Amino acid sequence: MTPNLNPDNMPAARDHAQGRFATLTFERDVAAPLSTLWQAWTAPPARAVWAAPTPSVNVEFLEADTRVGGREVSLCKVKGQPDIRCECGWLELQPAVRSVNYEVIWSEGVTQSAALVTADFSGTDGRSRLTVTVQLSSLGEDMEAGYRHGFGAGLDNLASVAERTMVLQRVIQAPRSMVWGAWMNPETLPQWWGPDGFSCRTKRIDLRTGGEWVFDMIAPDGTVFPNHHLYVEVRPEEKIGYTLLWGENGPKHADAWASLEDQDGATKVTLGMVFSTAAEFQEAKGFGAVELGLQTLGKLERFVASR
């Protein structure tokens, strides 16, 4: 998570004993289930939504591999200031329990800080609590104030994102290669995508990073719902990241991802969506998006079973 490195927010470096090392703790209560908060914390499409501490900061992700041994590399861009490079490496991932990562910050080729970040998760009755501990070593300027601001703002953003994130999961009794093959095949995807009774009418389909799927979903009563998916990441048999638009080149509806995990020969499918606004999230819940999404995953399972 990129700290705020605006010089106006950074005091002059203090001496070694006072300011070079610091342990910072942040806590947030989030009105979202624990599994949803975990997805918002770890899924790259969700992290891209909440990572920037303020609207004036643009965060560009160069790499994003959320698994033990994987890393995330981003550039933090502020108009009129040098880019800031952040590398995060994942050391431990216990789903909905704990994550541990290292983080290194560079500015103009100079290492500014290194940190060990531990996030602990707990939750009951649809609410969650996140406690983040940052063990910080400032190598350039004293980074404590920047980290306090950057992490504080980022976690406020995270809480907002988690509260408009929908996560659907289903274990499909088929190998991951079969599930992936049914999903990322332009001939088969339109055959099962959508809730029970819906069909798809494709205009263009290109299922690869940088590709798109322009199509209409047609309800049982004949109502047409225009859709446009933009694929921002395709990692074979592991993950799909995409943006949902209201019709071809229309306004953004959500940032979404699907991940596939092997589970003793079966496949655990996680489908996540960060809605653009809280109002859209509530509207989607109101018309039964959870149930309709689960129907879609059920159609996928039946389609795979029929192959």
Protein backbone atom coordinates (compact mmCIF):
# COMPACT_ATOMS: atom_id res chain seq x y z
CA MET A 1 0.00 0.00 0.00
CA THR A 2 1.58 3.25 -1.11
CA PRO A 3 2.16 5.81 1.66
CA ASN A 4 1.60 9.51 1.11
CA LEU A 5 4.99 10.87 0.03
CA ASN A 6 3.86 14.44 -0.62
CA PRO A 7 6.73 16.56 0.77
CA ASP A 8 4.21 18.77 2.57
CA ASN A 9 3.19 15.75 4.64
CA MET A 10 6.74 14.58 5.46
CA PRO A 11 8.65 16.15 8.34
CA ALA A 12 12.41 16.42 8.16
CA ALA A 13 14.24 13.22 9.05
CA ARG A 14 14.65 12.72 12.78
CA ASP A 15 17.58 10.99 14.39
CA HIS A 16 17.93 7.19 14.28
CA ALA A 17 16.56 6.53 17.74
CA GLN A 18 13.52 8.77 17.37
CA GLY A 19 12.25 8.21 13.87
CA ARG A 20 13.98 5.59 11.73
CA PHE A 21 12.03 2.61 13.09
CA ALA A 22 8.37 2.59 14.01
CA THR A 23 5.54 0.14 14.64
CA LEU A 24 2.18 1.43 13.44
CA THR A 25 -1.23 -0.14 14.10
CA PHE A 26 -4.44 0.52 12.19
CA GLU A 27 -7.87 -0.91 12.97
CA ARG A 28 -11.08 -0.82 10.96
CA ASP A 29 -14.56 -2.22 11.55
CA VAL A 30 -16.20 -3.06 8.23
CA ALA A 31 -19.88 -3.66 7.47
CA ALA A 32 -19.18 -6.66 5.25
CA PRO A 33 -18.77 -10.42 5.78
CA LEU A 34 -15.29 -11.66 6.62
CA SER A 35 -14.95 -13.57 3.34
CA THR A 36 -15.84 -10.42 1.39
CA LEU A 37 -13.31 -8.28 3.29
CA TRP A 38 -10.62 -10.88 2.59
CA GLN A 39 -11.39 -10.79 -1.13
CA ALA A 40 -11.33 -6.98 -1.12
CA TRP A 41 -7.94 -7.06 0.65
CA THR A 42 -6.28 -9.65 -1.61
CA ALA A 43 -7.94 -9.67 -5.06
CA PRO A 44 -5.92 -7.45 -7.45
CA PRO A 45 -8.98 -5.89 -9.17
CA ALA A 46 -10.34 -4.83 -5.78
CA ARG A 47 -6.95 -3.62 -4.55
CA ALA A 48 -6.66 -1.46 -7.66
CA VAL A 49 -9.93 0.27 -6.71
CA TRP A 50 -8.96 1.24 -3.15
CA ALA A 51 -5.15 1.54 -3.28
CA ALA A 52 -4.84 5.28 -3.98
CA PRO A 53 -5.00 7.29 -0.73
CA THR A 54 -6.62 10.33 -2.40
CA PRO A 55 -8.29 11.07 -5.76
CA SER A 56 -5.25 13.14 -6.82
CA VAL A 57 -3.10 10.00 -6.74
CA ASN A 58 -3.13 7.53 -9.64
CA VAL A 59 -1.87 4.02 -8.88
CA GLU A 60 -0.76 1.95 -11.89
CA PHE A 61 -0.28 -1.78 -11.27
CA LEU A 62 2.59 -3.36 -13.20
CA GLU A 63 2.37 -6.80 -11.57
CA ALA A 64 -0.25 -8.37 -9.31
CA ASP A 65 0.17 -11.96 -8.11
CA THR A 66 -1.56 -12.56 -4.79
CA ARG A 67 -0.18 -15.89 -3.65
CA VAL A 68 2.64 -16.88 -1.33
CA GLY A 69 5.84 -16.07 -3.18
CA GLY A 70 4.03 -13.72 -5.56
CA ARG A 71 4.48 -9.97 -5.68
CA GLU A 72 2.64 -6.79 -6.52
CA VAL A 73 4.45 -3.88 -8.17
CA SER A 74 2.81 -0.49 -8.60
CA LEU A 75 3.63 3.09 -9.52
CA CYS A 76 2.10 5.90 -7.51
CA LYS A 77 1.72 8.98 -9.71
CA VAL A 78 1.01 12.53 -8.57
CA LYS A 79 1.04 15.40 -11.05
CA GLY A 80 4.23 17.44 -10.76
CA GLN A 81 6.00 14.90 -8.52
CA PRO A 82 8.34 11.97 -9.25
CA ASP A 83 6.69 8.56 -9.54
CA ILE A 84 6.88 6.37 -6.46
CA ARG A 85 7.49 2.65 -6.96
CA CYS A 86 6.10 0.15 -4.46
CA GLU A 87 6.87 -3.57 -4.35
CA CYS A 88 4.82 -5.86 -2.15
CA GLY A 89 5.79 -9.52 -1.70
CA TRP A 90 3.35 -11.99 -0.14
CA LEU A 91 4.91 -14.11 2.62
CA GLU A 92 1.84 -15.66 4.27
CA LEU A 93 -1.81 -15.95 3.23
CA GLN A 94 -4.28 -17.67 5.57
CA PRO A 95 -7.68 -16.95 3.99
CA ALA A 96 -9.87 -14.72 6.17
CA VAL A 97 -7.36 -15.07 9.03
CA ARG A 98 -4.03 -13.39 8.31
CA SER A 99 -1.77 -12.05 5.59
CA VAL A 100 1.87 -11.03 5.86
CA ASN A 101 3.80 -9.15 3.21
CA TYR A 102 6.93 -7.09 2.85
CA GLU A 103 6.79 -3.68 1.21
CA VAL A 104 9.61 -1.60 -0.28
CA ILE A 105 9.21 1.98 -1.50
CA TRP A 106 11.46 3.77 -4.02
CA SER A 107 11.45 7.38 -5.23
CA GLU A 108 13.76 8.54 -8.04
CA GLY A 109 15.71 5.29 -7.75
CA VAL A 110 16.39 5.74 -4.03
CA THR A 111 14.99 3.28 -1.49
CA GLN A 112 12.85 5.23 0.94
CA SER A 113 11.55 2.52 3.25
CA ALA A 114 11.05 -1.16 3.93
CA ALA A 115 8.20 -2.55 5.99
CA LEU A 116 6.66 -5.78 7.20
CA VAL A 117 2.87 -5.61 7.04
CA THR A 118 0.70 -8.04 9.03
CA ALA A 119 -3.08 -7.99 8.60
CA ASP A 120 -5.30 -9.92 11.03
CA PHE A 121 -8.97 -10.58 10.27
CA SER A 122 -11.91 -11.46 12.50
CA GLY A 123 -15.66 -11.19 12.15
CA THR A 124 -19.14 -12.19 13.28
CA ASP A 125 -22.69 -11.77 11.95
CA GLY A 126 -21.81 -10.18 8.63
CA ARG A 127 -19.36 -7.67 10.11
CA SER A 128 -15.57 -7.78 10.07
CA ARG A 129 -12.62 -6.32 11.88
CA LEU A 130 -9.21 -5.71 10.33
CA THR A 131 -6.07 -4.97 12.32
CA VAL A 132 -2.98 -4.00 10.32
CA THR A 133 0.45 -3.79 11.95
CA VAL A 134 3.26 -2.10 10.04
CA GLN A 135 6.85 -2.58 11.20
CA LEU A 136 8.51 0.27 9.38
CA SER A 137 12.16 1.04 8.67
CA SER A 138 12.73 4.48 7.11
CA LEU A 139 15.80 4.46 4.88
CA GLY A 140 15.50 7.90 3.29
CA GLU A 141 13.35 10.57 4.86
CA ASP A 142 11.45 9.69 8.01
CA MET A 143 8.44 7.89 6.53
CA GLU A 144 6.26 7.49 9.61
CA ALA A 145 3.95 10.44 8.90
CA GLY A 146 3.56 9.41 5.25
CA TYR A 147 2.72 5.84 6.24
CA ARG A 148 0.18 6.97 8.83
CA HIS A 149 -1.57 9.10 6.24
CA GLY A 150 -1.31 6.64 3.34
CA PHE A 151 -2.39 3.54 5.25
CA GLY A 152 -5.11 5.40 7.11
CA ALA A 153 -6.66 6.75 3.90
CA GLY A 154 -6.17 3.45 2.05
CA LEU A 155 -7.93 1.46 4.76
CA ASP A 156 -10.81 3.92 4.78
CA ASN A 157 -11.09 3.28 1.03
CA LEU A 158 -10.86 -0.48 1.62
CA ALA A 159 -13.77 -0.39 4.06
CA SER A 160 -15.88 1.48 1.51
CA VAL A 161 -14.95 -0.97 -1.25
CA ALA A 162 -15.66 -4.05 0.89
CA GLU A 163 -19.10 -2.68 1.69
CA ARG A 164 -19.99 -2.59 -2.04
CA THR A 165 -18.32 -5.87 -2.99
CA MET A 166 -20.27 -9.02 -3.81
CA VAL A 167 -18.55 -12.41 -3.58
CA LEU A 168 -20.07 -15.66 -4.86
CA GLN A 169 -18.46 -19.07 -4.47
CA ARG A 170 -19.23 -22.60 -5.64
CA VAL A 171 -17.30 -25.86 -5.61
CA ILE A 172 -17.71 -27.59 -8.98
CA GLN A 173 -17.06 -31.30 -9.14
CA ALA A 174 -14.76 -31.20 -12.13
CA PRO A 175 -11.04 -30.60 -12.73
CA ARG A 176 -9.90 -27.01 -12.98
CA SER A 177 -8.80 -27.49 -16.59
CA MET A 178 -12.37 -28.44 -17.59
CA VAL A 179 -13.92 -25.48 -15.78
CA TRP A 180 -11.40 -23.11 -17.34
CA GLY A 181 -12.01 -24.62 -20.77
CA ALA A 182 -15.76 -24.02 -20.49
CA TRP A 183 -15.22 -20.43 -19.30
CA MET A 184 -12.49 -19.16 -21.61
CA ASN A 185 -13.79 -20.62 -24.86
CA PRO A 186 -15.71 -18.22 -27.13
CA GLU A 187 -17.93 -21.05 -28.30
CA THR A 188 -18.95 -22.33 -24.88
CA LEU A 189 -19.00 -19.25 -22.60
CA PRO A 190 -22.20 -17.83 -24.17
CA GLN A 191 -23.89 -21.22 -23.78
CA TRP A 192 -23.97 -21.12 -19.98
CA TRP A 193 -23.38 -17.51 -18.92
CA GLY A 194 -26.29 -15.87 -17.11
CA PRO A 195 -29.04 -16.92 -14.69
CA ASP A 196 -31.57 -19.68 -15.32
CA GLY A 197 -33.69 -18.99 -18.37
CA PHE A 198 -31.40 -16.28 -19.77
CA SER A 199 -29.55 -16.56 -23.07
CA CYS A 200 -26.65 -14.64 -24.63
CA ARG A 201 -26.41 -13.01 -28.05
CA THR A 202 -22.77 -12.22 -28.87
CA LYS A 203 -21.62 -9.31 -31.03
CA ARG A 204 -17.83 -9.63 -30.47
CA ILE A 205 -15.80 -11.93 -28.25
CA ASP A 206 -12.04 -12.06 -27.63
CA LEU A 207 -11.19 -13.85 -24.39
CA ARG A 208 -7.64 -12.71 -23.65
CA THR A 209 -5.88 -9.92 -21.78
CA GLY A 210 -6.89 -6.69 -23.54
CA GLY A 211 -9.84 -8.44 -25.21
CA GLU A 212 -13.57 -7.90 -24.83
CA TRP A 213 -16.97 -9.53 -24.96
CA VAL A 214 -19.83 -7.42 -26.29
CA PHE A 215 -23.16 -9.20 -25.91
CA ASP A 216 -26.80 -8.97 -24.95
CA MET A 217 -28.31 -10.98 -22.14
CA ILE A 218 -31.90 -11.88 -22.96
CA ALA A 219 -34.33 -12.58 -20.13
CA PRO A 220 -37.05 -15.22 -20.34
CA ASP A 221 -39.61 -12.47 -21.03
CA GLY A 222 -37.52 -11.14 -23.94
CA THR A 223 -36.03 -8.13 -22.12
CA VAL A 224 -32.58 -7.31 -23.52
CA PHE A 225 -29.72 -6.29 -21.21
CA PRO A 226 -26.67 -4.95 -23.17
CA ASN A 227 -23.29 -5.95 -21.67
CA HIS A 228 -19.65 -5.20 -22.38
CA HIS A 229 -16.81 -7.00 -20.59
CA LEU A 230 -13.25 -5.68 -20.89
CA TYR A 231 -10.59 -8.24 -19.93
CA VAL A 232 -7.71 -6.66 -18.02
CA GLU A 233 -6.03 -9.88 -16.86
CA VAL A 234 -6.23 -13.50 -17.99
CA ARG A 235 -4.01 -15.97 -16.13
CA PRO A 236 -4.67 -19.46 -17.56
CA GLU A 237 -6.54 -21.80 -15.22
CA GLU A 238 -6.14 -19.35 -12.32
CA LYS A 239 -7.74 -15.94 -12.67
CA ILE A 240 -9.73 -13.58 -14.88
CA GLY A 241 -9.95 -9.84 -14.16
CA TYR A 242 -12.45 -7.78 -16.13
CA THR A 243 -14.50 -4.58 -16.14
CA LEU A 244 -18.28 -4.60 -16.61
CA LEU A 245 -19.84 -1.81 -18.66
CA TRP A 246 -23.50 -0.96 -19.15
CA GLY A 247 -23.67 -1.78 -22.84
CA GLU A 248 -20.99 -1.29 -25.48
CA ASN A 249 -18.56 1.40 -24.30
CA GLY A 250 -21.12 2.46 -21.71
CA PRO A 251 -20.50 3.61 -18.12
CA LYS A 252 -18.67 1.24 -15.79
CA HIS A 253 -20.88 -0.98 -13.70
CA ALA A 254 -18.28 -2.93 -11.70
CA ASP A 255 -14.73 -4.22 -11.48
CA ALA A 256 -14.87 -8.00 -11.38
CA TRP A 257 -12.73 -11.09 -11.12
CA ALA A 258 -13.07 -14.85 -11.18
CA SER A 259 -10.55 -17.20 -9.59
CA LEU A 260 -10.29 -20.97 -9.91
CA GLU A 261 -8.64 -23.10 -7.21
CA ASP A 262 -8.00 -26.83 -7.26
CA GLN A 263 -9.73 -28.59 -4.37
CA ASP A 264 -8.88 -32.29 -4.32
CA GLY A 265 -9.80 -32.73 -7.97
CA ALA A 266 -12.78 -30.39 -7.79
CA THR A 267 -12.65 -26.65 -8.54
CA LYS A 268 -13.53 -23.84 -6.16
CA VAL A 269 -14.81 -20.89 -8.20
CA THR A 270 -14.87 -17.42 -6.66
CA LEU A 271 -16.68 -14.65 -8.53
CA GLY A 272 -16.21 -11.15 -7.12
CA MET A 273 -17.58 -7.74 -8.12
CA VAL A 274 -16.83 -4.27 -6.76
CA PHE A 275 -19.79 -2.14 -7.77
CA SER A 276 -19.06 1.41 -8.85
CA THR A 277 -21.28 2.93 -6.16
CA ALA A 278 -22.94 1.81 -2.94
CA ALA A 279 -26.32 2.60 -4.53
CA GLU A 280 -25.64 0.20 -7.43
CA PHE A 281 -24.60 -2.48 -4.95
CA GLN A 282 -27.81 -2.10 -2.95
CA GLU A 283 -29.90 -2.04 -6.13
CA ALA A 284 -28.21 -5.23 -7.36
CA LYS A 285 -28.85 -6.97 -4.03
CA GLY A 286 -32.43 -5.77 -4.16
CA PHE A 287 -33.21 -7.40 -7.50
CA GLY A 288 -31.57 -10.66 -6.43
CA ALA A 289 -28.06 -10.43 -7.91
CA VAL A 290 -26.69 -12.91 -5.38
CA GLU A 291 -29.24 -15.56 -6.24
CA LEU A 292 -28.94 -14.86 -9.98
CA GLY A 293 -25.15 -15.07 -9.80
CA LEU A 294 -25.32 -18.38 -7.99
CA GLN A 295 -27.67 -19.62 -10.70
CA THR A 296 -25.02 -18.68 -13.27
CA LEU A 297 -22.39 -20.74 -11.45
CA GLY A 298 -24.92 -23.57 -11.24
CA LYS A 299 -25.34 -23.45 -15.02
CA LEU A 300 -21.57 -23.61 -15.38
CA GLU A 301 -21.46 -26.71 -13.21
CA ARG A 302 -24.21 -28.40 -15.21
CA PHE A 303 -22.56 -27.47 -18.48
CA VAL A 304 -19.22 -28.94 -17.38
CA ALA A 305 -20.94 -32.10 -16.11
CA SER A 306 -22.56 -32.58 -19.52
CA ARG A 307 -19.26 -32.54 -21.42
